[in-house]
């Protein structure tokens, strides 16, 4: 009539699984059937409904923002009037905001460096007032 697997699959009654422990599985099925007829055969009336709650909060999406790159540490490294050793970086820049003058060299990334030891001197360019020319006045 009913198998043990059918009773375990019964979703209408939560205690149907607990009925058949190892001790009660040996009892005849006929003695259990009249007590739990609604659990085994389903509800007798059609007005019974099973309600299921759904999630009430929408799942949050991910964003591609929220990160930034570190600063590049550009600018003047040795100010005018200060001593600069040969090979030391005077200005790190993007583009040619500062131009190289006497005893100053320019690297691949437009970095200005000292070719000789001396005092740093800066002056405005005659052609372009926005650009500065950097010189090293060598020690005598």
N, C-alpha and C. Protein backbone atom coordinates (compact mmCIF):
# COMPACT_ATOMS: atom_id res chain seq x y z
N UNK A 1 0.83 -1.18 0.00
CA UNK A 1 0.00 0.00 0.00
C UNK A 1 0.88 1.26 0.00
N UNK A 2 1.58 1.58 1.09
CA UNK A 2 2.52 2.70 1.17
C UNK A 2 3.89 2.14 1.51
N UNK A 3 4.88 2.66 0.87
CA UNK A 3 6.24 2.23 1.20
C UNK A 3 6.87 3.24 2.15
N UNK A 4 7.96 2.85 2.74
CA UNK A 4 8.68 3.73 3.67
C UNK A 4 9.23 4.95 2.93
N UNK A 5 9.67 4.78 1.68
CA UNK A 5 10.20 5.90 0.90
C UNK A 5 9.11 6.92 0.59
N UNK A 6 7.88 6.46 0.34
CA UNK A 6 6.77 7.37 0.07
C UNK A 6 6.47 8.23 1.28
N UNK A 7 6.53 7.64 2.45
CA UNK A 7 6.25 8.39 3.67
C UNK A 7 7.35 9.40 3.97
N UNK A 8 8.59 9.06 3.66
CA UNK A 8 9.69 9.99 3.92
C UNK A 8 9.64 11.19 2.96
N UNK A 9 9.11 10.99 1.74
CA UNK A 9 9.00 12.08 0.78
C UNK A 9 7.82 12.99 1.05
N UNK A 10 6.98 12.65 1.97
CA UNK A 10 5.77 13.42 2.24
C UNK A 10 6.14 14.80 2.77
N UNK A 11 5.78 15.84 2.02
CA UNK A 11 6.10 17.21 2.42
C UNK A 11 4.96 17.85 3.19
N UNK A 12 3.77 17.23 3.17
CA UNK A 12 2.61 17.82 3.84
C UNK A 12 2.69 17.70 5.34
N UNK A 13 3.42 16.73 5.84
CA UNK A 13 3.49 16.52 7.29
C UNK A 13 4.95 16.46 7.71
N UNK A 14 5.33 17.32 8.62
CA UNK A 14 6.74 17.40 9.00
C UNK A 14 7.16 16.26 9.90
N UNK A 15 6.22 15.65 10.63
CA UNK A 15 6.62 14.58 11.54
C UNK A 15 6.49 13.21 10.92
N UNK A 16 6.21 13.13 9.60
CA UNK A 16 6.11 11.82 8.95
C UNK A 16 7.46 11.13 8.93
N UNK A 17 8.53 11.88 8.79
CA UNK A 17 9.86 11.28 8.78
C UNK A 17 10.22 10.78 10.17
N UNK A 18 9.81 11.53 11.20
CA UNK A 18 10.14 11.12 12.56
C UNK A 18 9.33 9.91 13.01
N UNK A 19 8.23 9.59 12.32
CA UNK A 19 7.44 8.42 12.70
C UNK A 19 8.20 7.13 12.53
N UNK A 20 9.03 7.06 11.52
CA UNK A 20 9.66 5.81 11.18
C UNK A 20 11.12 5.81 11.58
N UNK A 21 11.37 5.78 12.85
CA UNK A 21 12.73 5.56 13.31
C UNK A 21 13.00 4.06 13.26
N UNK A 22 14.13 3.64 13.72
CA UNK A 22 14.46 2.21 13.65
C UNK A 22 13.54 1.38 14.53
N UNK A 23 12.99 1.97 15.59
CA UNK A 23 12.12 1.21 16.49
C UNK A 23 10.72 1.06 15.91
N UNK A 24 10.20 2.07 15.21
CA UNK A 24 8.83 2.00 14.71
C UNK A 24 8.73 1.41 13.32
N UNK A 25 9.83 1.21 12.64
CA UNK A 25 9.76 0.65 11.30
C UNK A 25 9.30 -0.79 11.31
N UNK A 26 9.46 -1.46 12.42
CA UNK A 26 9.05 -2.86 12.50
C UNK A 26 7.55 -3.00 12.74
N UNK A 27 6.88 -1.95 13.22
CA UNK A 27 5.44 -2.03 13.46
C UNK A 27 4.69 -2.08 12.14
N UNK A 28 3.55 -2.70 12.13
CA UNK A 28 2.78 -2.77 10.88
C UNK A 28 2.27 -1.38 10.49
N UNK A 29 2.18 -1.15 9.19
CA UNK A 29 1.76 0.13 8.66
C UNK A 29 0.29 0.40 8.93
N UNK A 30 -0.50 -0.62 9.07
CA UNK A 30 -1.95 -0.48 9.27
C UNK A 30 -2.25 0.20 10.60
N UNK A 31 -1.42 -0.04 11.63
CA UNK A 31 -1.69 0.57 12.93
C UNK A 31 -1.35 2.06 12.94
N UNK A 32 -0.48 2.51 12.07
CA UNK A 32 -0.08 3.91 12.04
C UNK A 32 -1.00 4.72 11.12
N UNK A 33 -1.56 4.10 10.11
CA UNK A 33 -2.33 4.78 9.09
C UNK A 33 -3.52 5.57 9.61
N UNK A 34 -4.38 5.06 10.49
CA UNK A 34 -5.54 5.85 10.91
C UNK A 34 -5.15 7.11 11.69
N UNK A 35 -4.04 7.09 12.44
CA UNK A 35 -3.66 8.25 13.24
C UNK A 35 -3.16 9.39 12.36
N UNK A 36 -2.44 9.09 11.32
CA UNK A 36 -1.78 10.10 10.48
C UNK A 36 -2.32 10.05 9.06
N UNK A 37 -3.62 9.97 8.94
CA UNK A 37 -4.23 9.85 7.61
C UNK A 37 -4.02 11.12 6.79
N UNK A 38 -4.09 12.30 7.43
CA UNK A 38 -3.89 13.55 6.69
C UNK A 38 -2.46 13.70 6.20
N UNK A 39 -1.51 13.24 6.98
CA UNK A 39 -0.11 13.35 6.57
C UNK A 39 0.20 12.43 5.40
N UNK A 40 -0.40 11.25 5.38
CA UNK A 40 -0.06 10.26 4.36
C UNK A 40 -0.85 10.46 3.08
N UNK A 41 -2.13 10.78 3.20
CA UNK A 41 -2.98 10.86 2.02
C UNK A 41 -3.18 12.28 1.52
N UNK A 42 -2.70 13.27 2.26
CA UNK A 42 -2.87 14.66 1.86
C UNK A 42 -4.08 15.25 2.55
N UNK A 43 -4.28 16.54 2.47
CA UNK A 43 -5.41 17.18 3.15
C UNK A 43 -6.74 16.79 2.51
N UNK A 44 -7.78 16.76 3.33
CA UNK A 44 -9.10 16.36 2.86
C UNK A 44 -9.83 17.51 2.16
N UNK A 45 -9.54 18.75 2.55
CA UNK A 45 -10.22 19.90 1.94
C UNK A 45 -9.28 20.56 0.93
N UNK A 46 -9.86 21.19 -0.07
CA UNK A 46 -9.06 21.85 -1.10
C UNK A 46 -8.73 23.29 -0.75
N UNK A 47 -9.21 23.79 0.40
CA UNK A 47 -8.96 25.18 0.76
C UNK A 47 -7.61 25.39 1.44
N UNK A 48 -6.90 24.33 1.77
CA UNK A 48 -5.61 24.45 2.43
C UNK A 48 -4.56 24.89 1.40
N UNK A 49 -3.79 25.95 1.75
CA UNK A 49 -2.73 26.43 0.87
C UNK A 49 -1.41 26.40 1.61
N UNK A 50 -0.38 26.17 0.87
CA UNK A 50 0.97 26.25 1.42
C UNK A 50 1.57 27.55 0.91
N UNK A 51 1.94 28.43 1.84
CA UNK A 51 2.52 29.71 1.44
C UNK A 51 4.04 29.62 1.53
N UNK A 52 4.69 30.22 0.58
CA UNK A 52 6.15 30.24 0.52
C UNK A 52 6.58 31.69 0.51
N UNK A 53 7.48 32.05 1.42
CA UNK A 53 7.99 33.43 1.47
C UNK A 53 9.16 33.56 0.51
N UNK A 54 9.17 34.67 -0.18
CA UNK A 54 10.28 34.96 -1.08
C UNK A 54 11.21 35.98 -0.44
N UNK A 55 12.35 36.18 -1.04
CA UNK A 55 13.29 37.17 -0.53
C UNK A 55 12.69 38.56 -0.70
N UNK A 56 12.85 39.39 0.32
CA UNK A 56 12.26 40.73 0.27
C UNK A 56 13.29 41.80 -0.05
N UNK A 57 14.55 41.44 -0.20
CA UNK A 57 15.58 42.42 -0.53
C UNK A 57 16.27 41.98 -1.81
N UNK A 58 16.44 42.92 -2.71
CA UNK A 58 17.10 42.61 -3.97
C UNK A 58 18.59 42.39 -3.73
N UNK A 59 19.14 41.45 -4.46
CA UNK A 59 20.58 41.18 -4.33
C UNK A 59 21.38 42.35 -4.88
N UNK A 60 22.43 42.73 -4.18
CA UNK A 60 23.25 43.86 -4.61
C UNK A 60 24.20 43.46 -5.72
N UNK A 61 24.40 44.33 -6.68
CA UNK A 61 25.32 44.06 -7.77
C UNK A 61 26.72 44.53 -7.43
N UNK A 62 27.68 44.13 -8.24
CA UNK A 62 29.06 44.54 -8.01
C UNK A 62 29.36 45.79 -8.83
N UNK A 63 30.36 46.52 -8.41
CA UNK A 63 30.74 47.76 -9.08
C UNK A 63 32.16 47.64 -9.61
N UNK A 64 32.41 48.30 -10.72
CA UNK A 64 33.77 48.30 -11.28
C UNK A 64 34.59 49.48 -10.78
N UNK A 65 34.01 50.33 -9.93
CA UNK A 65 34.72 51.48 -9.40
C UNK A 65 35.42 51.10 -8.10
N UNK A 66 35.91 52.08 -7.38
CA UNK A 66 36.47 51.83 -6.06
C UNK A 66 37.96 51.55 -6.03
N UNK A 67 38.69 52.00 -7.01
CA UNK A 67 40.14 51.83 -6.97
C UNK A 67 40.78 53.06 -7.62
N UNK A 68 42.02 53.29 -7.32
CA UNK A 68 42.74 54.44 -7.87
C UNK A 68 44.22 54.09 -7.90
N UNK A 69 44.93 54.70 -8.82
CA UNK A 69 46.37 54.44 -8.90
C UNK A 69 47.11 55.40 -7.97
N UNK A 70 48.29 54.98 -7.57
CA UNK A 70 49.10 55.79 -6.66
C UNK A 70 49.68 56.98 -7.42
N UNK A 71 50.00 58.04 -6.67
CA UNK A 71 50.61 59.23 -7.27
C UNK A 71 52.00 58.93 -7.82
N UNK A 72 52.43 59.70 -8.79
CA UNK A 72 53.69 59.42 -9.48
C UNK A 72 54.89 60.12 -8.89
N UNK A 73 54.74 60.93 -7.85
CA UNK A 73 55.84 61.63 -7.16
C UNK A 73 56.63 62.50 -8.12
N UNK A 74 55.91 63.32 -8.88
CA UNK A 74 56.55 64.23 -9.82
C UNK A 74 56.85 65.55 -9.13
N UNK A 75 57.68 66.38 -9.77
CA UNK A 75 57.93 67.72 -9.27
C UNK A 75 59.42 68.00 -9.10
N UNK A 76 59.70 69.13 -8.46
CA UNK A 76 61.08 69.57 -8.23
C UNK A 76 61.64 68.80 -7.05
N UNK A 77 62.80 68.20 -7.24
CA UNK A 77 63.45 67.42 -6.17
C UNK A 77 64.56 68.22 -5.50
N UNK A 78 65.26 69.07 -6.26
CA UNK A 78 66.30 69.95 -5.70
C UNK A 78 65.91 71.37 -6.07
N UNK A 79 65.63 72.20 -5.06
CA UNK A 79 65.14 73.56 -5.29
C UNK A 79 66.29 74.51 -5.63
N UNK A 80 65.99 75.63 -6.28
CA UNK A 80 67.04 76.61 -6.63
C UNK A 80 67.77 77.11 -5.39
N UNK A 81 69.09 77.25 -5.52
CA UNK A 81 69.92 77.68 -4.41
C UNK A 81 70.50 76.52 -3.61
N UNK A 82 70.06 75.30 -3.86
CA UNK A 82 70.56 74.13 -3.15
C UNK A 82 71.65 73.44 -3.98
N UNK A 83 72.49 72.67 -3.29
CA UNK A 83 73.56 71.92 -3.95
C UNK A 83 72.99 70.64 -4.58
N UNK A 84 73.50 70.30 -5.76
CA UNK A 84 73.14 69.06 -6.43
C UNK A 84 74.42 68.34 -6.83
N UNK A 85 74.51 67.07 -6.50
CA UNK A 85 75.66 66.26 -6.90
C UNK A 85 75.49 65.80 -8.35
N UNK A 86 76.58 65.39 -8.97
CA UNK A 86 76.51 64.90 -10.35
C UNK A 86 75.67 63.62 -10.39
N UNK A 87 74.71 63.58 -11.30
CA UNK A 87 73.84 62.40 -11.45
C UNK A 87 72.56 62.47 -10.63
N UNK A 88 72.44 63.45 -9.75
CA UNK A 88 71.22 63.51 -8.92
C UNK A 88 70.06 64.10 -9.72
N UNK A 89 68.86 63.64 -9.40
CA UNK A 89 67.66 64.10 -10.10
C UNK A 89 67.27 65.47 -9.57
N UNK A 90 67.04 66.40 -10.48
CA UNK A 90 66.63 67.76 -10.10
C UNK A 90 65.11 67.90 -10.22
N UNK A 91 64.55 67.47 -11.36
CA UNK A 91 63.11 67.59 -11.60
C UNK A 91 62.61 66.30 -12.25
N UNK A 92 61.49 65.79 -11.73
CA UNK A 92 60.79 64.69 -12.41
C UNK A 92 59.51 65.27 -12.98
N UNK A 93 59.25 65.03 -14.27
CA UNK A 93 58.12 65.69 -14.94
C UNK A 93 57.57 64.81 -16.05
N UNK A 94 56.34 65.13 -16.48
CA UNK A 94 55.74 64.55 -17.67
C UNK A 94 55.69 65.66 -18.71
N UNK A 95 56.34 65.46 -19.83
CA UNK A 95 56.45 66.53 -20.81
C UNK A 95 57.63 67.43 -20.48
N UNK A 96 57.74 68.54 -21.21
CA UNK A 96 58.89 69.44 -21.03
C UNK A 96 58.47 70.74 -20.39
N UNK A 97 57.99 70.68 -19.16
CA UNK A 97 57.65 71.88 -18.41
C UNK A 97 58.93 72.63 -18.02
N UNK A 98 59.96 71.86 -17.66
CA UNK A 98 61.28 72.42 -17.35
C UNK A 98 62.24 71.98 -18.46
N UNK A 99 63.05 72.90 -18.94
CA UNK A 99 64.03 72.60 -19.98
C UNK A 99 65.42 72.54 -19.37
N UNK A 100 66.32 71.76 -20.00
CA UNK A 100 67.66 71.63 -19.44
C UNK A 100 68.57 72.75 -19.98
N UNK A 101 69.35 73.29 -19.06
CA UNK A 101 70.31 74.35 -19.39
C UNK A 101 71.72 73.83 -19.23
N UNK A 102 72.62 74.67 -18.67
CA UNK A 102 74.03 74.32 -18.50
C UNK A 102 74.18 73.22 -17.45
N UNK A 103 74.99 72.21 -17.77
CA UNK A 103 75.32 71.09 -16.88
C UNK A 103 74.09 70.29 -16.42
N UNK A 104 73.04 70.28 -17.24
CA UNK A 104 71.82 69.53 -16.91
C UNK A 104 71.48 68.64 -18.10
N UNK A 105 71.16 67.37 -17.83
CA UNK A 105 70.76 66.43 -18.86
C UNK A 105 69.30 66.04 -18.71
N UNK A 106 68.73 65.45 -19.80
CA UNK A 106 67.33 65.03 -19.77
C UNK A 106 67.25 63.54 -20.07
N UNK A 107 66.48 62.81 -19.26
CA UNK A 107 66.31 61.38 -19.45
C UNK A 107 65.17 61.05 -20.41
N UNK A 108 64.92 59.75 -20.60
CA UNK A 108 63.87 59.30 -21.52
C UNK A 108 62.47 59.76 -21.11
N UNK A 109 62.24 59.85 -19.81
CA UNK A 109 60.92 60.27 -19.30
C UNK A 109 60.90 61.76 -18.94
N UNK A 110 61.78 62.55 -19.56
CA UNK A 110 61.91 64.01 -19.37
C UNK A 110 62.40 64.39 -17.98
N UNK A 111 63.03 63.46 -17.27
CA UNK A 111 63.61 63.77 -15.97
C UNK A 111 64.89 64.58 -16.17
N UNK A 112 65.03 65.68 -15.43
CA UNK A 112 66.24 66.49 -15.49
C UNK A 112 67.20 66.06 -14.39
N UNK A 113 68.47 65.87 -14.75
CA UNK A 113 69.47 65.44 -13.78
C UNK A 113 70.75 66.26 -13.96
N UNK A 114 71.53 66.33 -12.90
CA UNK A 114 72.75 67.13 -12.90
C UNK A 114 73.88 66.37 -13.57
N UNK A 115 74.60 67.05 -14.46
CA UNK A 115 75.78 66.46 -15.11
C UNK A 115 77.05 66.76 -14.33
N UNK A 116 77.01 67.78 -13.50
CA UNK A 116 78.16 68.16 -12.67
C UNK A 116 77.64 68.64 -11.32
N UNK A 117 78.50 68.60 -10.32
CA UNK A 117 78.11 69.07 -8.99
C UNK A 117 78.07 70.59 -9.00
N UNK A 118 77.07 71.16 -8.32
CA UNK A 118 76.98 72.62 -8.25
C UNK A 118 75.65 73.06 -7.67
N UNK A 119 75.37 74.37 -7.79
CA UNK A 119 74.16 74.97 -7.23
C UNK A 119 73.10 75.06 -8.33
N UNK A 120 71.86 74.71 -7.99
CA UNK A 120 70.76 74.74 -8.96
C UNK A 120 70.28 76.18 -9.13
N UNK A 121 70.05 76.56 -10.41
CA UNK A 121 69.52 77.88 -10.73
C UNK A 121 68.42 77.70 -11.77
N UNK A 122 67.29 78.40 -11.59
CA UNK A 122 66.18 78.32 -12.55
C UNK A 122 65.85 79.71 -13.06
N UNK A 123 65.53 79.78 -14.37
CA UNK A 123 65.11 81.05 -14.97
C UNK A 123 63.97 80.79 -15.96
N UNK A 124 63.18 81.82 -16.22
CA UNK A 124 62.07 81.72 -17.18
C UNK A 124 62.61 81.67 -18.60
N UNK A 125 61.95 80.90 -19.45
CA UNK A 125 62.33 80.83 -20.85
C UNK A 125 61.92 82.12 -21.56
N UNK A 126 62.75 82.58 -22.49
CA UNK A 126 62.45 83.81 -23.23
C UNK A 126 61.34 83.55 -24.24
N UNK A 127 61.36 82.40 -24.90
CA UNK A 127 60.37 82.07 -25.92
C UNK A 127 59.00 81.74 -25.31
N UNK A 128 59.00 80.95 -24.24
CA UNK A 128 57.75 80.50 -23.64
C UNK A 128 57.81 80.79 -22.14
N UNK A 129 56.97 81.69 -21.68
CA UNK A 129 57.01 82.12 -20.28
C UNK A 129 56.54 81.02 -19.31
N UNK A 130 55.85 80.00 -19.84
CA UNK A 130 55.37 78.91 -18.97
C UNK A 130 56.48 77.91 -18.65
N UNK A 131 57.55 77.93 -19.42
CA UNK A 131 58.63 76.96 -19.22
C UNK A 131 59.78 77.60 -18.47
N UNK A 132 60.42 76.78 -17.63
CA UNK A 132 61.60 77.21 -16.87
C UNK A 132 62.83 76.49 -17.41
N UNK A 133 63.95 77.17 -17.40
CA UNK A 133 65.22 76.56 -17.78
C UNK A 133 66.01 76.33 -16.50
N UNK A 134 66.52 75.09 -16.35
CA UNK A 134 67.25 74.70 -15.14
C UNK A 134 68.74 74.63 -15.48
N UNK A 135 69.56 75.32 -14.68
CA UNK A 135 71.02 75.33 -14.86
C UNK A 135 71.66 74.80 -13.58
N UNK A 136 72.89 74.30 -13.74
CA UNK A 136 73.75 73.98 -12.61
C UNK A 136 74.97 74.89 -12.71
N UNK A 137 75.15 75.73 -11.71
CA UNK A 137 76.34 76.60 -11.66
C UNK A 137 77.40 75.81 -10.91
N UNK A 138 78.43 75.37 -11.66
CA UNK A 138 79.46 74.50 -11.09
C UNK A 138 80.31 75.26 -10.08
N UNK A 139 80.76 74.53 -9.07
CA UNK A 139 81.63 75.13 -8.05
C UNK A 139 83.00 75.38 -8.66
N UNK A 140 83.60 76.51 -8.31
CA UNK A 140 84.91 76.83 -8.86
C UNK A 140 86.02 76.50 -7.88
